[in-house]
Amino acid sequence: MAAVRVVRRLREAGDWQREMDGILETLCRAMDCQRGILFRLRELPGQGFAQSVAAYWIDPLFGGELASPTVIMQSIVNSDPLLERLAEDERQGKIFAGHTRDLEGFLRTDFEKQNIKSFLSVSVFAHGHLWGTLAVNDCVSERAWTDEEEATLHMIALAIG
């Protein structure tokens, strides 16, 4: 039911971007996650694409324990095989889900720094183009994401786009 509440909130919001922190909180609490992030892809002149943070929510119970999401520049993507593959997977709308211990390179280091144990991310498309990604993180324990959780994130990503 989290998807229904969030989609309704997005639909009723005059400016959904102003509502996004609260929307991420609703989503994360319903999914028992400690972090939710809406990433935005932007083209930077002469530098390629950069992934910036459009909105995020961190469970206040974790306070300063969880680092803010990282901005990833195209130069980092180009130097890391996993990030290069993920960039292509995002363009194809593939889900990125798993456990930090199974990663390598930049993402493993970054996710460990942020205490991420499990992650789930889906692409957000607007007008047929990749706009960004919507992600949730479990920073307490590793978990297998359910089909319902994946579908919830997909529905919300569609509503954002």
Protein backbone atom coordinates (compact mmCIF):
# COMPACT_ATOMS: atom_id res chain seq x y z
CA MET A 1 0.00 0.00 0.00
CA ALA A 2 3.01 2.32 0.26
CA ALA A 3 2.96 2.76 -3.51
CA VAL A 4 -0.67 3.87 -3.45
CA ARG A 5 -0.03 6.46 -0.71
CA VAL A 6 3.07 7.80 -2.43
CA VAL A 7 1.53 7.95 -5.92
CA ARG A 8 -1.54 9.73 -4.53
CA ARG A 9 0.74 12.24 -2.78
CA LEU A 10 2.69 12.83 -5.99
CA ARG A 11 -0.52 13.33 -7.96
CA GLU A 12 -1.96 15.77 -5.43
CA ALA A 13 1.23 17.79 -4.94
CA GLY A 14 1.33 21.17 -6.61
CA ASP A 15 5.11 20.84 -6.86
CA TRP A 16 6.15 17.22 -6.37
CA GLN A 17 9.80 18.18 -5.96
CA ARG A 18 8.99 20.10 -2.77
CA GLU A 19 7.18 17.02 -1.46
CA MET A 20 9.93 14.55 -2.31
CA ASP A 21 11.66 14.40 1.09
CA GLY A 22 8.35 13.49 2.76
CA ILE A 23 7.51 11.08 -0.03
CA LEU A 24 10.86 9.32 0.42
CA GLU A 25 10.25 9.12 4.17
CA THR A 26 6.82 7.51 3.61
CA LEU A 27 8.34 5.04 1.14
CA CYS A 28 11.29 4.12 3.36
CA ARG A 29 9.24 3.68 6.51
CA ALA A 30 6.81 1.40 4.65
CA MET A 31 9.70 -0.66 3.25
CA ASP A 32 11.70 -0.67 6.52
CA CYS A 33 14.63 1.14 4.88
CA GLN A 34 16.87 3.76 6.43
CA ARG A 35 17.62 5.79 3.29
CA GLY A 36 15.77 6.84 0.18
CA ILE A 37 17.31 8.83 -2.66
CA LEU A 38 16.09 10.35 -5.89
CA PHE A 39 19.10 10.81 -8.15
CA ARG A 40 19.04 13.15 -11.15
CA LEU A 41 21.24 12.77 -14.23
CA ARG A 42 22.47 16.01 -15.73
CA GLU A 43 24.78 16.75 -18.61
CA LEU A 44 27.68 19.02 -17.66
CA PRO A 45 29.33 20.90 -20.53
CA GLY A 46 32.64 19.28 -21.38
CA GLN A 47 32.37 16.73 -18.56
CA GLY A 48 29.66 14.31 -19.67
CA PHE A 49 26.94 13.28 -17.26
CA ALA A 50 26.84 13.71 -13.51
CA GLN A 51 24.54 11.99 -11.08
CA SER A 52 23.33 14.53 -8.56
CA VAL A 53 20.98 14.20 -5.61
CA ALA A 54 17.51 15.64 -6.31
CA ALA A 55 16.16 14.59 -2.89
CA TYR A 56 16.96 12.18 -0.09
CA TRP A 57 15.77 11.05 3.30
CA ILE A 58 17.81 9.44 6.07
CA ASP A 59 16.11 7.89 9.10
CA PRO A 60 16.71 10.32 12.00
CA LEU A 61 17.38 7.37 14.32
CA PHE A 62 20.67 6.96 12.46
CA GLY A 63 21.57 10.65 12.69
CA GLY A 64 25.15 11.23 11.67
CA GLU A 65 25.87 7.53 11.27
CA LEU A 66 24.78 7.56 7.62
CA ALA A 67 26.66 9.71 5.15
CA SER A 68 24.89 11.83 2.57
CA PRO A 69 24.52 10.29 -0.91
CA THR A 70 27.50 10.69 -3.23
CA VAL A 71 27.51 12.70 -6.46
CA ILE A 72 29.09 10.61 -9.23
CA MET A 73 30.79 12.33 -12.17
CA GLN A 74 31.17 10.77 -15.64
CA SER A 75 34.95 10.53 -15.14
CA ILE A 76 34.37 8.15 -12.21
CA VAL A 77 31.90 6.10 -14.27
CA ASN A 78 34.42 5.84 -17.13
CA SER A 79 37.13 4.52 -14.79
CA ASP A 80 35.03 1.81 -13.11
CA PRO A 81 33.79 -1.26 -15.05
CA LEU A 82 30.80 -1.85 -12.73
CA LEU A 83 29.65 1.76 -13.01
CA GLU A 84 29.99 1.62 -16.81
CA ARG A 85 27.78 -1.48 -16.91
CA LEU A 86 25.27 0.09 -14.51
CA ALA A 87 25.04 3.23 -16.64
CA GLU A 88 23.98 1.08 -19.59
CA ASP A 89 21.62 -1.00 -17.44
CA GLU A 90 19.95 2.21 -16.17
CA ARG A 91 19.34 3.36 -19.75
CA GLN A 92 17.65 -0.01 -20.37
CA GLY A 93 15.50 0.31 -17.25
CA LYS A 94 17.05 -2.65 -15.45
CA ILE A 95 16.78 -3.01 -11.67
CA PHE A 96 19.98 -2.68 -9.64
CA ALA A 97 19.60 -4.63 -6.40
CA GLY A 98 21.82 -6.60 -4.09
CA HIS A 99 24.26 -6.52 -1.22
CA THR A 100 27.28 -4.28 -0.76
CA ARG A 101 29.53 -7.26 0.06
CA ASP A 102 28.98 -8.52 -3.50
CA LEU A 103 30.17 -5.30 -5.17
CA GLU A 104 33.64 -4.22 -6.28
CA GLY A 105 35.37 -0.94 -6.98
CA PHE A 106 34.00 2.54 -6.39
CA LEU A 107 30.47 1.47 -5.40
CA ARG A 108 31.61 -1.00 -2.76
CA THR A 109 33.87 1.58 -1.14
CA ASP A 110 31.18 4.24 -1.34
CA PHE A 111 28.38 1.99 -0.05
CA GLU A 112 30.53 0.72 2.85
CA LYS A 113 31.28 4.33 3.80
CA GLN A 114 27.52 4.95 3.87
CA ASN A 115 26.80 1.75 5.87
CA ILE A 116 24.60 0.35 3.09
CA LYS A 117 24.00 -3.38 3.49
CA SER A 118 21.35 -3.88 0.76
CA PHE A 119 20.26 -1.63 -2.09
CA LEU A 120 17.43 -1.42 -4.61
CA SER A 121 17.39 1.09 -7.45
CA VAL A 122 15.14 1.62 -10.48
CA SER A 123 15.33 4.01 -13.42
CA VAL A 124 13.13 7.08 -13.68
CA PHE A 125 12.19 8.03 -17.24
CA ALA A 126 10.60 11.31 -18.32
CA HIS A 127 9.32 11.77 -21.88
CA GLY A 128 11.10 8.58 -22.94
CA HIS A 129 14.51 9.66 -21.67
CA LEU A 130 16.44 8.54 -18.60
CA TRP A 131 15.90 11.27 -16.00
CA GLY A 132 17.50 9.61 -12.98
CA THR A 133 17.08 6.78 -10.50
CA LEU A 134 15.04 6.10 -7.39
CA ALA A 135 16.82 4.08 -4.70
CA VAL A 136 16.23 2.71 -1.22
CA ASN A 137 18.87 1.30 1.12
CA ASP A 138 18.78 -1.02 4.08
CA CYS A 139 21.60 0.05 6.39
CA VAL A 140 20.78 -2.44 9.15
CA SER A 141 20.85 -5.84 7.48
CA GLU A 142 21.20 -7.65 4.21
CA ARG A 143 17.91 -8.61 2.64
CA ALA A 144 16.43 -10.14 -0.46
CA TRP A 145 14.10 -7.59 -2.04
CA THR A 146 10.63 -8.92 -2.74
CA ASP A 147 8.76 -8.64 -6.03
CA GLU A 148 6.31 -6.35 -4.24
CA GLU A 149 9.11 -4.01 -3.12
CA GLU A 150 10.53 -3.89 -6.65
CA ALA A 151 7.07 -3.20 -8.08
CA THR A 152 6.50 -0.46 -5.51
CA LEU A 153 9.68 1.33 -6.55
CA HIS A 154 8.79 0.93 -10.25
CA MET A 155 5.31 2.41 -9.75
CA ILE A 156 6.69 5.40 -7.88
CA ALA A 157 9.39 5.92 -10.52
CA LEU A 158 6.69 5.91 -13.21
CA ALA A 159 4.66 8.46 -11.25
CA ILE A 160 7.70 10.72 -10.85
CA GLY A 161 8.53 10.53 -14.56
